[in-house]
Protein backbone atom coordinates (compact mmCIF):
# COMPACT_ATOMS: atom_id res chain seq x y z
CA MET A 1 -1.42 31.62 5.78
CA ILE A 2 0.15 31.45 2.07
CA GLU A 3 -1.79 33.20 -0.41
CA ALA A 4 -3.46 30.83 -3.13
CA ASP A 5 -2.62 32.45 -6.69
CA ALA A 6 -1.27 31.36 -10.10
CA THR A 7 2.02 30.10 -8.74
CA THR A 8 1.57 30.13 -4.96
CA VAL A 9 -0.60 27.27 -4.08
CA ILE A 10 0.26 25.03 -1.75
CA SER A 11 2.96 25.38 1.03
CA ALA A 12 5.35 22.48 1.82
CA GLY A 13 4.65 21.64 5.10
CA GLU A 14 6.46 24.85 6.51
CA PRO A 15 5.76 28.57 7.19
CA GLY A 16 7.52 30.50 4.65
CA THR A 17 8.31 27.21 2.23
CA PRO A 18 5.64 27.93 -0.67
CA ARG A 19 5.97 25.72 -3.83
CA SER A 20 3.89 25.63 -6.58
CA LEU A 21 1.35 22.48 -6.74
CA ARG A 22 2.63 21.05 -10.08
CA ASP A 23 6.26 21.56 -8.46
CA THR A 24 5.22 19.75 -5.59
CA LEU A 25 3.76 16.76 -7.59
CA ARG A 26 6.21 16.58 -9.62
CA ARG A 27 8.75 15.91 -7.48
CA GLY A 28 6.90 14.12 -4.66
CA THR A 29 5.96 11.79 -7.39
CA ALA A 30 9.30 11.04 -9.06
CA TRP A 31 10.94 10.55 -5.88
CA SER A 32 7.75 8.20 -4.48
CA LEU A 33 8.15 6.31 -8.02
CA LEU A 34 11.88 5.64 -7.91
CA GLY A 35 11.98 4.89 -4.03
CA TYR A 36 8.84 2.45 -4.31
CA GLY A 37 9.59 1.10 -7.72
CA GLY A 38 13.27 0.35 -5.96
CA VAL A 39 11.67 -1.49 -3.27
CA GLN A 40 9.30 -3.44 -5.10
CA THR A 41 12.14 -4.50 -7.77
CA LEU A 42 14.37 -5.85 -4.77
CA ARG A 43 11.35 -7.16 -3.17
CA PHE A 44 10.22 -9.40 -6.19
CA ALA A 45 13.98 -10.32 -7.05
CA GLY A 46 14.27 -11.43 -3.60
CA ASN A 47 11.00 -13.52 -4.37
CA LEU A 48 12.00 -14.84 -7.35
CA VAL A 49 15.02 -16.18 -5.62
CA LEU A 50 13.96 -17.32 -2.19
CA THR A 51 10.61 -19.32 -3.96
CA ARG A 52 13.85 -21.40 -5.17
CA LEU A 53 15.30 -22.21 -1.87
CA LEU A 54 12.30 -22.63 0.09
CA PHE A 55 9.40 -24.26 0.25
CA PRO A 56 5.37 -22.92 -0.17
CA GLU A 57 4.92 -23.79 3.63
CA ALA A 58 7.51 -21.52 4.56
CA PHE A 59 5.53 -18.71 2.67
CA GLY A 60 2.48 -19.84 4.10
CA LEU A 61 3.62 -19.78 7.40
CA MET A 62 5.22 -16.13 7.49
CA SER A 63 1.61 -15.15 5.53
CA LEU A 64 0.05 -15.83 8.73
CA VAL A 65 2.71 -14.17 11.14
CA ASN A 66 2.81 -11.20 8.92
CA ALA A 67 -1.25 -11.07 8.68
CA LEU A 68 -1.55 -10.94 12.58
CA LEU A 69 1.64 -8.48 13.62
CA VAL A 70 0.36 -6.04 10.58
CA GLY A 71 -3.33 -6.47 12.73
CA LEU A 72 -1.54 -5.54 16.04
CA GLN A 73 -0.07 -2.57 14.32
CA LEU A 74 -3.45 -1.24 12.67
CA VAL A 75 -5.74 -2.22 15.48
CA SER A 76 -3.52 0.15 17.95
CA ASP A 77 -2.99 3.05 15.33
CA ILE A 78 -4.56 6.23 16.50
CA GLY A 79 -3.06 8.39 13.46
CA ILE A 80 -0.14 9.31 15.29
CA GLY A 81 1.26 9.37 11.60
CA PRO A 82 -1.40 11.01 9.34
CA SER A 83 -1.32 13.60 12.60
CA ILE A 84 1.98 14.89 11.90
CA ILE A 85 1.29 15.59 8.32
CA GLN A 86 -2.37 17.04 8.40
CA SER A 87 -1.97 19.02 11.53
CA ARG A 88 -1.15 23.10 11.88
CA HIS A 89 1.27 22.06 14.75
CA GLY A 90 2.90 19.02 13.52
CA ALA A 91 6.17 20.41 13.05
CA GLU A 92 6.22 21.84 16.65
CA PRO A 93 9.08 19.60 18.81
CA ALA A 94 6.39 19.48 21.75
CA PHE A 95 4.26 17.82 19.23
CA LEU A 96 6.70 15.65 17.75
CA ASP A 97 8.32 14.64 20.68
CA THR A 98 4.60 13.49 22.06
CA ALA A 99 3.75 11.60 19.02
CA TRP A 100 7.94 9.57 19.63
CA THR A 101 6.86 8.29 23.02
CA VAL A 102 3.16 7.17 22.55
CA ARG A 103 4.80 5.47 19.28
CA ILE A 104 7.63 3.75 21.69
CA VAL A 105 4.96 2.56 24.24
CA ARG A 106 2.59 1.26 21.89
CA GLY A 107 5.53 -0.87 20.31
CA LEU A 108 7.05 -2.31 23.64
CA VAL A 109 2.62 -3.11 24.04
CA LEU A 110 3.06 -4.80 20.65
CA TRP A 111 5.78 -6.81 20.68
CA LEU A 112 4.70 -7.76 24.21
CA THR A 113 1.39 -8.89 23.27
CA ALA A 114 2.83 -11.13 20.11
CA CYS A 115 4.63 -12.82 22.73
CA ALA A 116 1.84 -13.64 24.66
CA VAL A 117 -0.72 -15.01 21.55
CA ALA A 118 1.93 -16.86 20.14
CA LEU A 119 1.03 -20.03 21.30
CA PRO A 120 -2.43 -19.98 21.46
CA PHE A 121 -1.81 -18.71 17.49
CA ALA A 122 -0.35 -21.77 17.12
CA ALA A 123 -2.61 -24.03 18.09
CA PHE A 124 -4.68 -22.62 15.95
CA TYR A 125 -3.42 -23.26 13.10
CA GLY A 126 -1.59 -26.61 13.95
CA GLN A 127 1.67 -24.69 13.54
CA PRO A 128 4.22 -25.27 16.38
CA ALA A 129 6.88 -23.40 14.88
CA LEU A 130 4.83 -20.08 14.88
CA ALA A 131 4.76 -20.25 18.83
CA TRP A 132 8.70 -18.99 18.55
CA ILE A 133 8.48 -17.46 14.71
CA LEU A 134 5.60 -14.73 16.36
CA PRO A 135 7.60 -13.26 19.38
CA LEU A 136 10.62 -13.32 17.41
CA ALA A 137 9.27 -11.57 14.36
CA GLY A 138 7.09 -9.52 16.70
CA LEU A 139 10.18 -7.24 17.74
CA THR A 140 9.33 -5.49 14.50
CA ALA A 141 6.85 -4.07 15.93
CA LEU A 142 9.08 -2.50 18.85
CA LEU A 143 12.04 -1.46 16.95
CA SER A 144 9.21 0.89 14.38
CA GLY A 145 7.94 2.20 17.59
CA VAL A 146 11.47 3.83 18.46
CA GLU A 147 11.79 5.06 14.65
CA SER A 148 12.58 8.74 14.69
CA THR A 149 9.66 10.99 13.59
CA ARG A 150 11.46 12.86 11.25
CA LEU A 151 10.24 10.61 8.61
CA PHE A 152 6.86 11.87 9.01
CA GLY A 153 8.34 15.36 8.62
CA LEU A 154 9.39 14.64 5.20
CA TYR A 155 6.32 13.29 4.14
CA ARG A 156 4.79 16.34 5.25
CA ARG A 157 6.88 18.62 3.16
CA VAL A 158 6.71 15.76 0.50
CA ASP A 159 9.98 15.58 0.61
CA LEU A 160 10.52 11.93 -0.24
CA ALA A 161 14.18 11.83 -1.59
CA TRP A 162 15.66 10.83 1.79
CA VAL A 163 12.62 9.07 2.33
CA SER A 164 13.00 7.19 -0.72
CA LEU A 165 16.80 6.51 -0.11
CA VAL A 166 16.16 4.60 3.25
CA GLU A 167 13.07 2.24 2.21
CA VAL A 168 15.63 0.91 -0.68
CA SER A 169 18.35 0.93 1.92
CA CYS A 170 16.10 -1.16 4.32
CA GLN A 171 14.62 -3.46 1.52
CA ALA A 172 18.14 -4.34 0.07
CA VAL A 173 19.58 -5.58 3.31
CA SER A 174 16.64 -7.66 4.76
CA VAL A 175 16.75 -9.15 1.21
CA THR A 176 20.35 -9.75 1.18
CA VAL A 177 20.33 -11.52 4.92
CA MET A 178 17.15 -13.65 3.64
CA ILE A 179 18.77 -15.38 0.53
CA ALA A 180 22.30 -15.61 2.30
CA TRP A 181 20.16 -17.25 5.63
CA ALA A 182 18.21 -19.45 3.34
CA SER A 183 21.30 -20.40 1.36
CA ARG A 184 22.89 -21.67 4.32
CA GLU A 185 19.85 -23.31 6.05
CA ARG A 186 16.64 -23.37 3.64
CA SER A 187 14.06 -22.70 6.66
CA ILE A 188 11.11 -19.72 7.86
CA ALA A 189 14.27 -18.24 9.44
CA ALA A 190 15.65 -16.85 6.84
CA LEU A 191 12.36 -14.76 6.54
CA VAL A 192 12.13 -13.76 10.34
CA ALA A 193 15.86 -12.47 10.37
CA GLY A 194 15.82 -10.48 6.66
CA SER A 195 12.44 -8.78 8.04
CA LEU A 196 14.56 -7.45 11.67
CA ALA A 197 17.64 -6.97 10.13
CA GLY A 198 15.39 -4.38 7.30
CA SER A 199 13.35 -3.09 10.19
CA LEU A 200 16.85 -2.41 12.56
CA THR A 201 18.47 -0.47 9.64
CA ARG A 202 15.17 1.50 9.10
CA LEU A 203 15.27 2.65 13.04
CA VAL A 204 19.25 3.56 13.06
CA LEU A 205 19.02 5.07 9.47
CA SER A 206 16.17 7.53 10.73
CA HIS A 207 18.00 8.55 13.47
CA THR A 208 21.15 9.41 11.94
CA VAL A 209 20.99 10.29 8.19
CA LEU A 210 17.36 12.12 7.61
CA PRO A 211 17.11 15.64 8.69
CA GLY A 212 14.95 17.13 11.14
CA HIS A 213 13.86 17.29 15.23
CA ARG A 214 15.75 14.86 17.32
CA ASN A 215 13.72 13.27 19.10
CA ARG A 216 13.35 13.11 23.46
CA LEU A 217 10.76 11.11 25.69
CA ALA A 218 8.30 13.95 26.84
CA PHE A 219 4.75 14.46 27.24
CA ASP A 220 1.99 17.31 26.07
CA ARG A 221 -1.07 16.83 26.59
CA ALA A 222 -2.14 19.74 24.63
CA ALA A 223 -0.73 18.31 21.56
CA PHE A 224 -2.19 14.10 22.58
CA GLY A 225 -5.33 15.66 22.77
CA ARG A 226 -5.00 17.10 19.31
CA MET A 227 -3.84 13.68 18.00
CA ILE A 228 -6.67 11.49 19.45
CA ARG A 229 -9.24 14.06 18.31
CA PHE A 230 -7.92 13.63 14.52
CA GLY A 231 -7.10 9.78 15.32
CA ARG A 232 -10.04 8.51 17.00
CA TRP A 233 -11.42 7.60 13.06
CA ILE A 234 -8.01 6.75 12.01
CA PHE A 235 -8.30 4.05 14.91
CA LEU A 236 -11.57 2.90 13.72
CA SER A 237 -10.44 2.94 9.99
CA THR A 238 -7.39 1.27 10.98
CA VAL A 239 -9.05 -1.27 12.98
CA LEU A 240 -11.08 -2.13 9.91
CA THR A 241 -8.13 -2.03 7.62
CA PHE A 242 -6.78 -4.64 9.31
CA LEU A 243 -9.81 -7.10 9.31
CA VAL A 244 -10.06 -5.99 5.32
CA SER A 245 -6.55 -6.30 4.15
CA GLN A 246 -5.33 -9.53 6.63
CA SER A 247 -8.53 -11.50 7.22
CA ASP A 248 -8.50 -13.14 3.77
CA ARG A 249 -5.18 -14.45 4.52
CA LEU A 250 -6.37 -15.49 8.12
CA MET A 251 -9.70 -17.00 6.89
CA PHE A 252 -7.68 -18.79 3.48
CA GLY A 253 -5.15 -20.11 6.27
CA LYS A 254 -8.44 -22.48 7.46
CA LEU A 255 -9.90 -23.07 4.28
CA ILE A 256 -6.70 -24.47 2.10
CA PRO A 257 -3.71 -26.11 2.94
CA LEU A 258 -0.86 -24.17 3.74
CA SER A 259 1.57 -24.52 0.59
CA MET A 260 -1.55 -23.10 -1.22
CA LEU A 261 -1.54 -19.95 1.21
CA GLY A 262 1.92 -19.78 0.07
CA VAL A 263 1.03 -19.61 -3.64
CA PHE A 264 -1.92 -17.27 -2.96
CA GLY A 265 0.59 -14.83 -1.39
CA VAL A 266 2.96 -15.06 -4.14
CA GLY A 267 0.11 -14.34 -6.33
CA ALA A 268 -1.43 -11.44 -4.24
CA LEU A 269 2.23 -10.06 -4.33
CA ILE A 270 2.03 -9.41 -7.78
CA ALA A 271 -1.30 -8.29 -8.36
CA THR A 272 -1.59 -5.61 -6.06
CA LEU A 273 1.72 -3.96 -7.19
CA PRO A 274 -0.30 -1.24 -8.83
CA SER A 275 -2.55 -0.35 -6.20
CA GLU A 276 0.13 -0.92 -3.78
CA VAL A 277 2.26 2.37 -5.78
CA LEU A 278 -0.97 4.49 -5.57
CA SER A 279 -1.62 3.54 -1.83
CA ARG A 280 1.81 4.90 -1.53
CA MET A 281 1.27 8.09 -3.71
CA ALA A 282 -1.78 8.30 -1.84
CA THR A 283 0.05 8.57 1.23
CA GLY A 284 3.25 10.39 0.37
CA VAL A 285 1.91 12.69 -2.33
CA LEU A 286 -1.38 13.03 -2.50
CA PHE A 287 -2.26 13.51 0.52
CA PRO A 288 0.28 15.94 1.80
CA ALA A 289 -0.81 18.11 -0.78
CA PHE A 290 -3.98 18.02 -0.85
CA SER A 291 -3.81 18.73 2.94
CA GLY A 292 -1.41 21.65 1.78
CA ILE A 293 -4.15 22.72 -0.70
CA ARG A 294 -6.59 23.03 2.11
CA ASN A 295 -4.67 25.06 4.63
CA ALA A 296 -3.56 27.59 1.75
CA GLY A 297 -7.59 28.30 1.57
CA SER A 298 -7.67 27.32 -2.21
CA ASP A 299 -10.04 24.60 -3.15
CA LEU A 300 -9.56 21.12 -3.49
CA GLY A 301 -12.33 19.91 -6.01
CA ALA A 302 -11.10 22.52 -8.84
CA VAL A 303 -7.95 20.42 -9.12
CA PHE A 304 -9.27 16.79 -7.64
CA ALA A 305 -10.07 14.97 -10.82
CA ARG A 306 -6.90 16.51 -12.96
CA VAL A 307 -4.07 15.50 -10.49
CA ARG A 308 -5.14 12.12 -10.11
CA ARG A 309 -5.85 11.21 -13.61
CA LEU A 310 -2.01 10.46 -14.63
CA PRO A 311 -1.20 8.18 -11.37
CA LEU A 312 -4.62 6.24 -12.20
CA VAL A 313 -4.02 5.91 -16.10
CA VAL A 314 -0.70 4.56 -15.13
CA ALA A 315 -2.11 2.30 -12.36
CA ALA A 316 -4.84 0.89 -15.38
CA TRP A 317 -2.08 0.31 -17.44
CA MET A 318 -0.20 -1.81 -15.31
CA ILE A 319 -3.64 -3.65 -14.21
CA ALA A 320 -4.50 -4.21 -17.44
CA GLY A 321 -1.42 -5.85 -18.59
CA LEU A 322 -1.41 -8.01 -15.21
CA ALA A 323 -5.45 -8.86 -15.75
CA GLY A 324 -4.71 -10.11 -19.30
CA GLY A 325 -1.18 -11.71 -18.96
CA GLY A 326 -0.80 -12.36 -15.51
CA ARG A 327 -0.58 -16.63 -16.09
CA VAL A 328 2.07 -16.16 -18.69
CA ALA A 329 4.16 -13.77 -16.07
CA VAL A 330 3.60 -16.26 -13.50
CA GLU A 331 4.79 -19.47 -16.36
CA LEU A 332 7.65 -17.05 -17.06
CA LEU A 333 8.80 -16.33 -13.68
CA TYR A 334 8.40 -19.50 -11.38
CA ASP A 335 8.28 -23.08 -11.94
CA GLU A 336 5.70 -25.41 -11.79
CA ARG A 337 4.99 -25.44 -7.69
CA TYR A 338 3.45 -21.70 -8.12
CA ALA A 339 1.49 -22.05 -11.21
CA GLU A 340 -2.01 -21.95 -9.88
CA ALA A 341 -0.87 -18.41 -8.87
CA GLY A 342 -1.40 -17.16 -12.25
CA TRP A 343 -5.54 -16.78 -12.43
CA ILE A 344 -4.97 -15.69 -8.74
CA VAL A 345 -2.93 -12.67 -10.29
CA GLN A 346 -5.73 -12.06 -12.71
CA VAL A 347 -8.83 -11.89 -10.24
CA VAL A 348 -6.82 -10.34 -7.76
CA ALA A 349 -5.62 -7.50 -10.16
CA LEU A 350 -9.29 -7.08 -11.42
CA GLY A 351 -10.17 -6.07 -7.66
CA SER A 352 -7.60 -4.36 -7.37
CA TRP A 353 -8.39 -1.66 -9.60
CA PHE A 354 -11.04 -0.44 -7.43
CA ALA A 355 -8.88 -0.15 -4.77
CA VAL A 356 -7.22 1.90 -6.60
CA LEU A 357 -9.84 4.30 -7.05
CA GLU A 358 -10.31 4.41 -3.37
CA SER A 359 -7.11 5.36 -2.24
CA THR A 360 -6.80 8.45 -3.98
CA TYR A 361 -10.67 9.25 -2.73
CA GLY A 362 -9.02 8.64 0.43
CA ALA A 363 -5.79 10.64 0.15
CA GLY A 364 -8.59 13.57 -0.35
CA LEU A 365 -10.99 12.50 2.30
CA LEU A 366 -8.45 12.90 5.20
CA ALA A 367 -7.12 15.97 3.32
CA CYS A 368 -10.26 17.56 4.44
CA GLY A 369 -10.29 15.76 7.91
CA GLN A 370 -12.78 13.71 6.93
CA SER A 371 -11.55 10.64 8.30
CA LYS A 372 -14.45 9.12 9.26
CA TRP A 373 -15.20 8.09 5.71
CA THR A 374 -12.10 6.08 5.69
CA ALA A 375 -13.53 4.11 8.75
CA ALA A 376 -16.97 3.44 6.77
CA SER A 377 -15.40 2.37 3.72
CA GLY A 378 -13.48 0.20 5.62
CA ALA A 379 -16.70 -1.29 6.88
CA ALA A 380 -18.14 -1.70 3.69
CA LYS A 381 -15.22 -4.02 2.42
CA LEU A 382 -15.61 -5.93 5.30
CA ALA A 383 -18.94 -6.28 5.49
CA GLY A 384 -18.27 -7.58 1.30
CA MET A 385 -16.19 -9.61 2.12
CA LEU A 386 -17.91 -11.90 5.29
CA CYS A 387 -20.88 -12.29 2.73
CA LEU A 388 -19.01 -12.79 -0.31
CA ILE A 389 -16.04 -14.25 0.47
CA PRO A 390 -18.04 -17.64 1.75
CA LEU A 391 -20.90 -17.48 -0.85
CA GLY A 392 -18.09 -17.62 -3.56
CA PHE A 393 -16.33 -20.56 -1.90
CA SER A 394 -19.71 -22.55 -1.01
CA VAL A 395 -20.17 -22.05 -5.02
CA ALA A 396 -16.80 -22.48 -6.76
CA GLY A 397 -14.18 -23.37 -4.17
CA PHE A 398 -11.32 -21.64 -3.48
CA PHE A 399 -11.55 -19.76 -7.24
CA GLY A 400 -14.86 -18.59 -6.00
CA ALA A 401 -13.60 -17.39 -2.32
CA VAL A 402 -10.89 -14.74 -4.55
CA VAL A 403 -13.34 -13.77 -6.75
CA GLY A 404 -15.35 -12.85 -3.49
CA LEU A 405 -12.42 -11.17 -2.16
CA ALA A 406 -12.03 -8.93 -5.62
CA LEU A 407 -15.48 -8.19 -5.64
CA SER A 408 -15.73 -6.90 -2.24
CA GLU A 409 -13.45 -3.81 -2.78
CA ILE A 410 -16.17 -1.90 -5.14
CA ALA A 411 -17.73 -1.85 -1.78
CA ARG A 412 -15.62 0.15 -0.14
CA TYR A 413 -14.67 2.12 -3.65
CA ALA A 414 -18.45 3.23 -3.48
CA VAL A 415 -18.43 4.38 -0.34
CA SER A 416 -15.06 6.47 -0.50
CA ALA A 417 -16.61 7.82 -3.37
CA ARG A 418 -19.79 9.13 -2.09
CA GLY A 419 -18.12 10.72 0.84
CA ALA A 420 -15.46 12.64 -1.28
CA SER A 421 -18.37 13.88 -3.55
CA GLY A 422 -19.65 15.60 -0.38
CA GLU A 423 -16.89 17.42 0.08
CA GLY A 424 -16.80 18.47 -3.69
CA LEU A 425 -14.41 16.04 -4.90
CA LYS A 426 -16.37 14.54 -7.85
CA ALA A 427 -15.21 12.31 -10.30
CA TRP A 428 -17.57 9.57 -10.97
CA LYS A 429 -17.11 10.22 -14.79
CA GLN A 430 -13.34 9.93 -15.21
CA ASP A 431 -13.64 6.69 -13.03
CA LEU A 432 -16.61 5.02 -15.63
CA ALA A 433 -14.24 6.17 -18.48
CA LEU A 434 -10.92 4.53 -16.95
CA THR A 435 -12.29 1.46 -15.90
CA THR A 436 -14.55 0.76 -18.98
CA TRP A 437 -11.07 1.41 -20.97
CA MET A 438 -9.20 -0.79 -18.49
CA LEU A 439 -11.63 -3.58 -18.79
CA ILE A 440 -11.43 -3.73 -22.51
CA THR A 441 -7.70 -3.42 -23.03
CA ALA A 442 -7.40 -6.64 -20.37
CA GLY A 443 -9.73 -8.63 -22.09
CA LEU A 444 -7.59 -7.63 -25.65
CA ALA A 445 -4.73 -8.59 -23.71
CA GLY A 446 -6.17 -12.04 -22.90
CA LEU A 447 -7.22 -12.55 -25.97
CA THR A 448 -3.95 -11.68 -27.41
CA ALA A 449 -1.97 -13.84 -24.47
CA ALA A 450 -3.78 -16.54 -25.64
CA PHE A 451 -3.46 -16.47 -29.31
CA VAL A 452 0.07 -16.70 -29.03
CA GLN A 453 0.77 -18.98 -26.59
CA ARG A 454 -1.61 -21.40 -28.82
CA GLN A 455 0.91 -21.07 -31.93
CA GLY A 456 3.47 -22.49 -29.53
CA TRP A 457 5.29 -19.84 -28.62
CA PRO A 458 7.22 -19.54 -25.47
CA ALA A 459 5.82 -17.55 -22.72
CA ALA A 460 8.20 -14.91 -23.01
CA ALA A 461 6.61 -14.00 -26.49
CA ALA A 462 3.16 -14.11 -24.60
CA ALA A 463 3.95 -11.73 -21.99
CA ALA A 464 5.66 -9.54 -24.86
CA ALA A 465 2.91 -9.23 -26.61
CA VAL A 466 0.60 -8.43 -24.03
CA LEU A 467 3.00 -5.42 -23.28
CA LEU A 468 3.28 -4.16 -25.99
CA LEU A 469 -0.44 -4.32 -26.71
CA VAL A 470 -1.45 -2.66 -23.37
CA THR A 471 1.52 0.17 -23.82
CA LEU A 472 0.20 1.01 -27.27
CA LEU A 473 -3.83 1.19 -26.22
CA TRP A 474 -2.66 3.34 -23.17
CA THR A 475 -0.06 5.47 -24.50
CA PRO A 476 -2.38 7.84 -26.05
CA VAL A 477 -4.71 8.20 -22.93
CA ALA A 478 -1.75 9.17 -21.00
CA LEU A 479 -0.52 12.05 -23.45
CA ALA A 480 -3.76 13.11 -23.23
CA GLY A 481 -3.32 14.23 -19.53
CA LEU A 482 -0.31 15.72 -20.79
CA ARG A 483 -1.12 18.21 -22.94
CA PRO A 484 -0.88 21.88 -21.81
CA GLY A 485 -4.12 22.85 -21.31
CA ALA A 486 -4.28 20.28 -18.35
CA ALA A 487 -1.28 21.60 -16.80
CA ASP A 488 -2.26 24.78 -17.06
CA HIS A 489 -5.25 24.06 -15.21
CA VAL A 490 -3.36 22.77 -12.45
CA ARG A 491 -1.40 25.58 -12.38
CA ARG A 492 -4.01 28.12 -12.03
CA ALA A 493 -5.66 26.35 -9.72
């Protein structure tokens, strides 16, 4: 075991490779943001082009397909990836080969399931095209299962440079294929082809470019037992994650026209960018780092609030800008067919703040081996959705349903915060302070956008004014977290 002292607080995942917490977080965060930023930039740029080439109905259909495929992935997840990252045996060849073999079998079963449910799924939504789209798009699950476990090994070591390069490359291939296909044939086939191209690229690169163990088909009963013991709560958690992350689109698909579902997808894409960034950081940086601290025998509670502070500040800055300037952003970027996405961005962004807070607690709980709390938090959000979405729809139509969806995030956050508190990860004062300032700055940003537009200025001017105001208001908060005393505290932990 690595001794926890002033400079060596975390193993980078393997014996004999100690690294300071500060260095691990700095490098991991930098590469995570560069990689995810590159992916989202390409994704967003592609979305802007594709919304001009395809009709909203195409995005609505793809939302339904993706919701089902993500659901199949999640309800069959036994936590193989997190097991590799968290377990002390996660770098052993027998463990990695068993994990790879199980993933291949799972991927095949998922694809066959997608083929089997294609016709009933198409009939339920009254969209015959889904009968052929779903089996083709379902091949992404099979391709994902064959990917090398080297990806998880790099996450385990918080060595994200190669991971980021691979993900940006895959997204670039996917977007290029989508745009090229849509330019020649304006159909949903462009979206399916791009998705398959990206998955195939990821599969090839994971085996040929990334460093690490070369997988082979094998099955070790002891290794599989360790995965199951850790993953039993992950399985329940991911089932609930599907229900809380994708059921909104499946429910809305029966409540609203397909074109409006496409508009909702565009709005949600923009609004959830901050929470997606933090979720990526929580999974790829915070969870491995927290696990290393625990495995080294250090007190995670002593550094938890400090480590999460700056990522939360960055996310709050983004969410305040989206909540205040969502309408002008949509007006600036999209044509009038997507105008309704403006208020969707604002409402969903506010709800995503609690998803941001929860993701940091979730990383800490997984590092402590308390995956049952992630399942409990998912159940809490599901209960909130089942109550609040129908209630909101009955009171205020689709607007009320989206508000109900946003409010349901509070339930998930509350449960995770309670579980983290029991593990000594207490940060409710920090949450209260940041939430209050985020709401104040979002309100001021909204008033600023409205004022600028009332003067007859274009949407670009209003968006610039919102960005400037929110940046000025959050910069002192960010700098306060970078003062020497704060960095020393983390270094000493």
